[in-house]
Amino acid sequence: MSTSIQPLSSIGPADPEKAREEELKKDPAKRDYLEGREQFKKGDHSMAAMSFHNALKAFEEKGDEQGVANASDRLGDVCLAKKDFAAALEHYRRAYAICEKEEDSFSTLSLNKKIAAIYREQGELDKAMEILFDMIEHYHLTRNPKGMVEVMAVIAQLYQEKGENKKAADTYRTVASIHKNFKHKRKAEEFAALADELEQA
């Protein structure tokens, strides 16, 4: 009878994260995608764009829609970092269409946030607001006050940028009252002060 005991680590992967990485390395599309993420993190946008583009092509060939959406989203991020807003919008919209079809509301909200930011950057404030109001509707239906106040604060800033201080102040007051309802005293006071400031301006 053998007296050698098999070490536990040899039975299965000791580090599930490492095992996942190994698995991904066997898949060129996912490997390119992961490499792109690392390059983007390091600020190497040109290399990241190439990796995400290769990943996108490979996902397309495999018919992997989720992969296509992820790679398109990341390509949008690269274009946004390079201030190429038109290309960023194109990539985000492609990802959005897939996520909407898959009824992935978490991803569509994330993409909406990015698309609204681009419109704001380009001075298309009405388009940005349209998207943000849709997001508020979603947060209202899903009873997500945190998401709601975050988006409302951005809407208030947009009103200010449009020179509509009265509407901005009203929006800040609404944010203050939501915080008050949740006993966030300091936050409620902060937003109420912003509203006062605008009304006195």
C-alpha atoms as a PDB file:
ATOM      1  CA  MET A   1       0.000   0.000   0.000  1.00  0.00           C
ATOM      2  CA  SER A   2       1.326   3.416  -0.937  1.00  0.00           C
ATOM      3  CA  THR A   3       2.011   5.727   1.951  1.00  0.00           C
ATOM      4  CA  SER A   4       2.402   8.858  -0.155  1.00  0.00           C
ATOM      5  CA  ILE A   5      -0.542  11.188   0.271  1.00  0.00           C
ATOM      6  CA  GLN A   6      -1.567  13.229  -2.730  1.00  0.00           C
ATOM      7  CA  PRO A   7      -1.364  16.921  -1.874  1.00  0.00           C
ATOM      8  CA  LEU A   8      -4.779  18.614  -1.935  1.00  0.00           C
ATOM      9  CA  SER A   9      -3.513  21.286  -4.319  1.00  0.00           C
ATOM     10  CA  SER A  10      -2.934  18.674  -7.019  1.00  0.00           C
ATOM     11  CA  ILE A  11      -6.586  17.558  -6.999  1.00  0.00           C
ATOM     12  CA  GLY A  12      -8.072  20.790  -8.324  1.00  0.00           C
ATOM     13  CA  PRO A  13      -6.936  24.301  -9.079  1.00  0.00           C
ATOM     14  CA  ALA A  14      -5.699  25.925  -5.878  1.00  0.00           C
ATOM     15  CA  ASP A  15      -6.510  29.338  -7.293  1.00  0.00           C
ATOM     16  CA  PRO A  16      -9.800  29.436  -9.238  1.00  0.00           C
ATOM     17  CA  GLU A  17      -8.881  32.862 -10.650  1.00  0.00           C
ATOM     18  CA  LYS A  18      -5.625  31.453 -12.065  1.00  0.00           C
ATOM     19  CA  ALA A  19      -7.519  28.488 -13.537  1.00  0.00           C
ATOM     20  CA  ARG A  20      -9.920  30.886 -15.238  1.00  0.00           C
ATOM     21  CA  GLU A  21      -7.002  32.879 -16.640  1.00  0.00           C
ATOM     22  CA  GLU A  22      -5.498  29.650 -17.999  1.00  0.00           C
ATOM     23  CA  GLU A  23      -8.797  28.742 -19.624  1.00  0.00           C
ATOM     24  CA  LEU A  24      -9.086  32.178 -21.204  1.00  0.00           C
ATOM     25  CA  LYS A  25      -5.581  31.964 -22.640  1.00  0.00           C
ATOM     26  CA  LYS A  26      -6.707  29.000 -24.737  1.00  0.00           C
ATOM     27  CA  ASP A  27      -9.375  31.191 -26.349  1.00  0.00           C
ATOM     28  CA  PRO A  28      -7.678  33.770 -28.639  1.00  0.00           C
ATOM     29  CA  ALA A  29     -10.686  36.129 -28.637  1.00  0.00           C
ATOM     30  CA  LYS A  30     -10.867  36.245 -24.858  1.00  0.00           C
ATOM     31  CA  ARG A  31      -7.095  36.438 -24.609  1.00  0.00           C
ATOM     32  CA  ASP A  32      -7.026  39.504 -26.884  1.00  0.00           C
ATOM     33  CA  TYR A  33      -9.864  41.002 -24.861  1.00  0.00           C
ATOM     34  CA  LEU A  34      -7.983  40.496 -21.563  1.00  0.00           C
ATOM     35  CA  GLU A  35      -4.780  41.883 -23.039  1.00  0.00           C
ATOM     36  CA  GLY A  36      -6.699  44.928 -24.241  1.00  0.00           C
ATOM     37  CA  ARG A  37      -8.037  45.525 -20.739  1.00  0.00           C
ATOM     38  CA  GLU A  38      -4.539  45.395 -19.265  1.00  0.00           C
ATOM     39  CA  GLN A  39      -3.159  47.720 -21.957  1.00  0.00           C
ATOM     40  CA  PHE A  40      -6.031  50.164 -21.448  1.00  0.00           C
ATOM     41  CA  LYS A  41      -5.379  50.176 -17.688  1.00  0.00           C
ATOM     42  CA  LYS A  42      -1.747  51.093 -18.377  1.00  0.00           C
ATOM     43  CA  GLY A  43      -2.874  53.923 -20.658  1.00  0.00           C
ATOM     44  CA  ASP A  44      -1.547  52.255 -23.821  1.00  0.00           C
ATOM     45  CA  HIS A  45      -4.588  53.171 -25.925  1.00  0.00           C
ATOM     46  CA  SER A  46      -3.176  52.252 -29.338  1.00  0.00           C
ATOM     47  CA  MET A  47      -2.250  48.713 -28.269  1.00  0.00           C
ATOM     48  CA  ALA A  48      -5.555  48.348 -26.396  1.00  0.00           C
ATOM     49  CA  ALA A  49      -7.487  49.416 -29.513  1.00  0.00           C
ATOM     50  CA  MET A  50      -5.662  46.782 -31.568  1.00  0.00           C
ATOM     51  CA  SER A  51      -6.322  44.030 -28.999  1.00  0.00           C
ATOM     52  CA  PHE A  52     -10.007  44.916 -28.640  1.00  0.00           C
ATOM     53  CA  HIS A  53     -10.355  45.113 -32.434  1.00  0.00           C
ATOM     54  CA  ASN A  54      -8.820  41.616 -32.817  1.00  0.00           C
ATOM     55  CA  ALA A  55     -11.072  40.306 -30.045  1.00  0.00           C
ATOM     56  CA  LEU A  56     -14.117  41.872 -31.731  1.00  0.00           C
ATOM     57  CA  LYS A  57     -13.322  40.219 -35.069  1.00  0.00           C
ATOM     58  CA  ALA A  58     -12.801  36.839 -33.399  1.00  0.00           C
ATOM     59  CA  PHE A  59     -16.053  37.156 -31.403  1.00  0.00           C
ATOM     60  CA  GLU A  60     -17.890  38.064 -34.623  1.00  0.00           C
ATOM     61  CA  GLU A  61     -16.522  34.978 -36.374  1.00  0.00           C
ATOM     62  CA  LYS A  62     -17.662  32.777 -33.484  1.00  0.00           C
ATOM     63  CA  GLY A  63     -21.077  34.416 -33.398  1.00  0.00           C
ATOM     64  CA  ASP A  64     -20.497  35.297 -29.735  1.00  0.00           C
ATOM     65  CA  GLU A  65     -22.828  38.277 -29.265  1.00  0.00           C
ATOM     66  CA  GLN A  66     -21.907  38.844 -25.637  1.00  0.00           C
ATOM     67  CA  GLY A  67     -18.248  38.955 -26.661  1.00  0.00           C
ATOM     68  CA  VAL A  68     -19.079  41.402 -29.470  1.00  0.00           C
ATOM     69  CA  ALA A  69     -20.927  43.653 -26.983  1.00  0.00           C
ATOM     70  CA  ASN A  70     -18.032  43.573 -24.486  1.00  0.00           C
ATOM     71  CA  ALA A  71     -15.370  44.283 -27.127  1.00  0.00           C
ATOM     72  CA  SER A  72     -17.495  47.077 -28.668  1.00  0.00           C
ATOM     73  CA  ASP A  73     -17.988  48.643 -25.233  1.00  0.00           C
ATOM     74  CA  ARG A  74     -14.224  48.573 -24.585  1.00  0.00           C
ATOM     75  CA  LEU A  75     -13.437  49.964 -28.045  1.00  0.00           C
ATOM     76  CA  GLY A  76     -15.837  52.783 -27.192  1.00  0.00           C
ATOM     77  CA  ASP A  77     -13.850  53.436 -24.004  1.00  0.00           C
ATOM     78  CA  VAL A  78     -10.605  53.633 -26.020  1.00  0.00           C
ATOM     79  CA  CYS A  79     -12.166  56.064 -28.528  1.00  0.00           C
ATOM     80  CA  LEU A  80     -13.566  58.141 -25.670  1.00  0.00           C
ATOM     81  CA  ALA A  81     -10.111  58.318 -24.058  1.00  0.00           C
ATOM     82  CA  LYS A  82      -8.773  59.549 -27.412  1.00  0.00           C
ATOM     83  CA  LYS A  83     -11.662  62.070 -27.644  1.00  0.00           C
ATOM     84  CA  ASP A  84     -12.919  60.419 -30.853  1.00  0.00           C
ATOM     85  CA  PHE A  85     -16.553  60.888 -29.850  1.00  0.00           C
ATOM     86  CA  ALA A  86     -18.158  59.805 -33.129  1.00  0.00           C
ATOM     87  CA  ALA A  87     -16.356  56.440 -33.123  1.00  0.00           C
ATOM     88  CA  ALA A  88     -17.028  55.979 -29.394  1.00  0.00           C
ATOM     89  CA  LEU A  89     -20.763  56.546 -29.951  1.00  0.00           C
ATOM     90  CA  GLU A  90     -20.787  54.032 -32.791  1.00  0.00           C
ATOM     91  CA  HIS A  91     -19.187  51.316 -30.621  1.00  0.00           C
ATOM     92  CA  TYR A  92     -21.399  52.068 -27.613  1.00  0.00           C
ATOM     93  CA  ARG A  93     -24.546  51.968 -29.752  1.00  0.00           C
ATOM     94  CA  ARG A  94     -23.564  48.590 -31.169  1.00  0.00           C
ATOM     95  CA  ALA A  95     -23.009  47.210 -27.665  1.00  0.00           C
ATOM     96  CA  TYR A  96     -26.259  48.830 -26.500  1.00  0.00           C
ATOM     97  CA  ALA A  97     -28.324  47.161 -29.253  1.00  0.00           C
ATOM     98  CA  ILE A  98     -27.034  43.717 -28.217  1.00  0.00           C
ATOM     99  CA  CYS A  99     -27.560  44.357 -24.481  1.00  0.00           C
ATOM    100  CA  GLU A 100     -31.083  45.651 -25.125  1.00  0.00           C
ATOM    101  CA  LYS A 101     -31.903  42.532 -27.142  1.00  0.00           C
ATOM    102  CA  GLU A 102     -30.544  40.376 -24.297  1.00  0.00           C
ATOM    103  CA  GLU A 103     -32.589  42.470 -21.822  1.00  0.00           C
ATOM    104  CA  ASP A 104     -29.408  43.192 -19.869  1.00  0.00           C
ATOM    105  CA  SER A 105     -30.574  46.334 -18.062  1.00  0.00           C
ATOM    106  CA  PHE A 106     -27.426  46.662 -15.952  1.00  0.00           C
ATOM    107  CA  SER A 107     -25.262  46.959 -19.088  1.00  0.00           C
ATOM    108  CA  THR A 108     -27.693  49.230 -20.954  1.00  0.00           C
ATOM    109  CA  LEU A 109     -27.660  51.641 -17.989  1.00  0.00           C
ATOM    110  CA  SER A 110     -23.864  51.637 -17.932  1.00  0.00           C
ATOM    111  CA  LEU A 111     -23.765  52.338 -21.682  1.00  0.00           C
ATOM    112  CA  ASN A 112     -26.442  55.036 -21.385  1.00  0.00           C
ATOM    113  CA  LYS A 113     -24.256  56.800 -18.821  1.00  0.00           C
ATOM    114  CA  LYS A 114     -21.323  56.814 -21.274  1.00  0.00           C
ATOM    115  CA  ILE A 115     -23.462  57.921 -24.233  1.00  0.00           C
ATOM    116  CA  ALA A 116     -24.970  60.778 -22.187  1.00  0.00           C
ATOM    117  CA  ALA A 117     -21.460  61.862 -21.143  1.00  0.00           C
ATOM    118  CA  ILE A 118     -20.430  62.051 -24.821  1.00  0.00           C
ATOM    119  CA  TYR A 119     -23.471  64.167 -25.719  1.00  0.00           C
ATOM    120  CA  ARG A 120     -22.664  66.451 -22.796  1.00  0.00           C
ATOM    121  CA  GLU A 121     -19.030  66.726 -23.892  1.00  0.00           C
ATOM    122  CA  GLN A 122     -20.215  67.681 -27.384  1.00  0.00           C
ATOM    123  CA  GLY A 123     -22.609  70.295 -26.029  1.00  0.00           C
ATOM    124  CA  GLU A 124     -25.709  68.309 -27.077  1.00  0.00           C
ATOM    125  CA  LEU A 125     -27.266  68.809 -23.670  1.00  0.00           C
ATOM    126  CA  ASP A 126     -30.879  68.046 -24.674  1.00  0.00           C
ATOM    127  CA  LYS A 127     -29.861  64.647 -26.059  1.00  0.00           C
ATOM    128  CA  ALA A 128     -27.891  63.922 -22.889  1.00  0.00           C
ATOM    129  CA  MET A 129     -30.895  64.882 -20.732  1.00  0.00           C
ATOM    130  CA  GLU A 130     -33.258  62.690 -22.713  1.00  0.00           C
ATOM    131  CA  ILE A 131     -31.099  59.665 -21.895  1.00  0.00           C
ATOM    132  CA  LEU A 132     -30.692  60.678 -18.250  1.00  0.00           C
ATOM    133  CA  PHE A 133     -34.462  61.072 -17.788  1.00  0.00           C
ATOM    134  CA  ASP A 134     -34.919  57.548 -19.205  1.00  0.00           C
ATOM    135  CA  MET A 135     -32.407  56.331 -16.638  1.00  0.00           C
ATOM    136  CA  ILE A 136     -34.329  58.030 -13.820  1.00  0.00           C
ATOM    137  CA  GLU A 137     -37.471  56.285 -15.007  1.00  0.00           C
ATOM    138  CA  HIS A 138     -35.644  52.944 -14.812  1.00  0.00           C
ATOM    139  CA  TYR A 139     -34.235  53.660 -11.339  1.00  0.00           C
ATOM    140  CA  HIS A 140     -37.697  54.726 -10.189  1.00  0.00           C
ATOM    141  CA  LEU A 141     -39.277  51.492 -11.452  1.00  0.00           C
ATOM    142  CA  THR A 142     -36.540  49.335  -9.928  1.00  0.00           C
ATOM    143  CA  ARG A 143     -36.671  51.318  -6.663  1.00  0.00           C
ATOM    144  CA  ASN A 144     -33.031  52.334  -6.796  1.00  0.00           C
ATOM    145  CA  PRO A 145     -32.751  55.671  -4.947  1.00  0.00           C
ATOM    146  CA  LYS A 146     -28.925  55.656  -5.105  1.00  0.00           C
ATOM    147  CA  GLY A 147     -28.954  55.495  -8.918  1.00  0.00           C
ATOM    148  CA  MET A 148     -31.707  58.063  -9.013  1.00  0.00           C
ATOM    149  CA  VAL A 149     -29.923  60.737  -6.962  1.00  0.00           C
ATOM    150  CA  GLU A 150     -26.659  60.224  -8.895  1.00  0.00           C
ATOM    151  CA  VAL A 151     -28.396  60.844 -12.232  1.00  0.00           C
ATOM    152  CA  MET A 152     -30.479  63.730 -10.879  1.00  0.00           C
ATOM    153  CA  ALA A 153     -27.316  65.486  -9.691  1.00  0.00           C
ATOM    154  CA  VAL A 154     -25.941  65.262 -13.254  1.00  0.00           C
ATOM    155  CA  ILE A 155     -29.254  66.599 -14.636  1.00  0.00           C
ATOM    156  CA  ALA A 156     -29.001  69.563 -12.247  1.00  0.00           C
ATOM    157  CA  GLN A 157     -25.480  70.289 -13.553  1.00  0.00           C
ATOM    158  CA  LEU A 158     -26.794  70.153 -17.126  1.00  0.00           C
ATOM    159  CA  TYR A 159     -29.546  72.636 -16.275  1.00  0.00           C
ATOM    160  CA  GLN A 160     -26.834  74.934 -14.910  1.00  0.00           C
ATOM    161  CA  GLU A 161     -24.816  74.529 -18.109  1.00  0.00           C
ATOM    162  CA  LYS A 162     -27.944  75.520 -20.046  1.00  0.00           C
ATOM    163  CA  GLY A 163     -28.339  78.576 -17.811  1.00  0.00           C
ATOM    164  CA  GLU A 164     -31.611  77.223 -16.328  1.00  0.00           C
ATOM    165  CA  ASN A 165     -30.734  77.845 -12.689  1.00  0.00           C
ATOM    166  CA  LYS A 166     -34.319  77.640 -11.419  1.00  0.00           C
ATOM    167  CA  LYS A 167     -34.717  74.090 -12.800  1.00  0.00           C
ATOM    168  CA  ALA A 168     -31.251  73.173 -11.478  1.00  0.00           C
ATOM    169  CA  ALA A 169     -32.222  74.417  -7.999  1.00  0.00           C
ATOM    170  CA  ASP A 170     -35.520  72.461  -8.095  1.00  0.00           C
ATOM    171  CA  THR A 171     -33.621  69.313  -9.077  1.00  0.00           C
ATOM    172  CA  TYR A 172     -31.105  69.767  -6.259  1.00  0.00           C
ATOM    173  CA  ARG A 173     -34.027  70.229  -3.824  1.00  0.00           C
ATOM    174  CA  THR A 174     -35.536  66.937  -5.008  1.00  0.00           C
ATOM    175  CA  VAL A 175     -32.166  65.211  -4.475  1.00  0.00           C
ATOM    176  CA  ALA A 176     -31.964  66.785  -0.992  1.00  0.00           C
ATOM    177  CA  SER A 177     -35.442  65.518  -0.089  1.00  0.00           C
ATOM    178  CA  ILE A 178     -34.612  61.959  -1.245  1.00  0.00           C
ATOM    179  CA  HIS A 179     -31.487  62.022   0.960  1.00  0.00           C
ATOM    180  CA  LYS A 180     -33.574  63.412   3.823  1.00  0.00           C
ATOM    181  CA  ASN A 181     -36.062  60.530   3.495  1.00  0.00           C
ATOM    182  CA  PHE A 182     -33.174  58.099   3.875  1.00  0.00           C
ATOM    183  CA  LYS A 183     -31.805  60.000   6.896  1.00  0.00           C
ATOM    184  CA  HIS A 184     -28.697  61.125   4.993  1.00  0.00           C
ATOM    185  CA  LYS A 185     -28.606  64.416   6.903  1.00  0.00           C
ATOM    186  CA  ARG A 186     -25.229  65.703   5.645  1.00  0.00           C
ATOM    187  CA  LYS A 187     -25.995  64.889   1.989  1.00  0.00           C
ATOM    188  CA  ALA A 188     -29.454  66.463   2.256  1.00  0.00           C
ATOM    189  CA  GLU A 189     -27.916  69.656   3.643  1.00  0.00           C
ATOM    190  CA  GLU A 190     -25.241  69.740   0.919  1.00  0.00           C
ATOM    191  CA  PHE A 191     -27.803  69.584  -1.913  1.00  0.00           C
ATOM    192  CA  ALA A 192     -30.168  72.021  -0.203  1.00  0.00           C
ATOM    193  CA  ALA A 193     -27.243  74.477   0.072  1.00  0.00           C
ATOM    194  CA  LEU A 194     -26.523  74.083  -3.666  1.00  0.00           C
ATOM    195  CA  ALA A 195     -30.169  74.881  -4.401  1.00  0.00           C
ATOM    196  CA  ASP A 196     -30.075  77.980  -2.132  1.00  0.00           C
ATOM    197  CA  GLU A 197     -26.882  79.172  -3.799  1.00  0.00           C
ATOM    198  CA  LEU A 198     -28.456  78.935  -7.265  1.00  0.00           C
ATOM    199  CA  GLU A 199     -31.625  80.711  -6.204  1.00  0.00           C
ATOM    200  CA  GLN A 200     -29.632  83.587  -4.794  1.00  0.00           C
ATOM    201  CA  ALA A 201     -27.347  83.860  -7.817  1.00  0.00           C
END
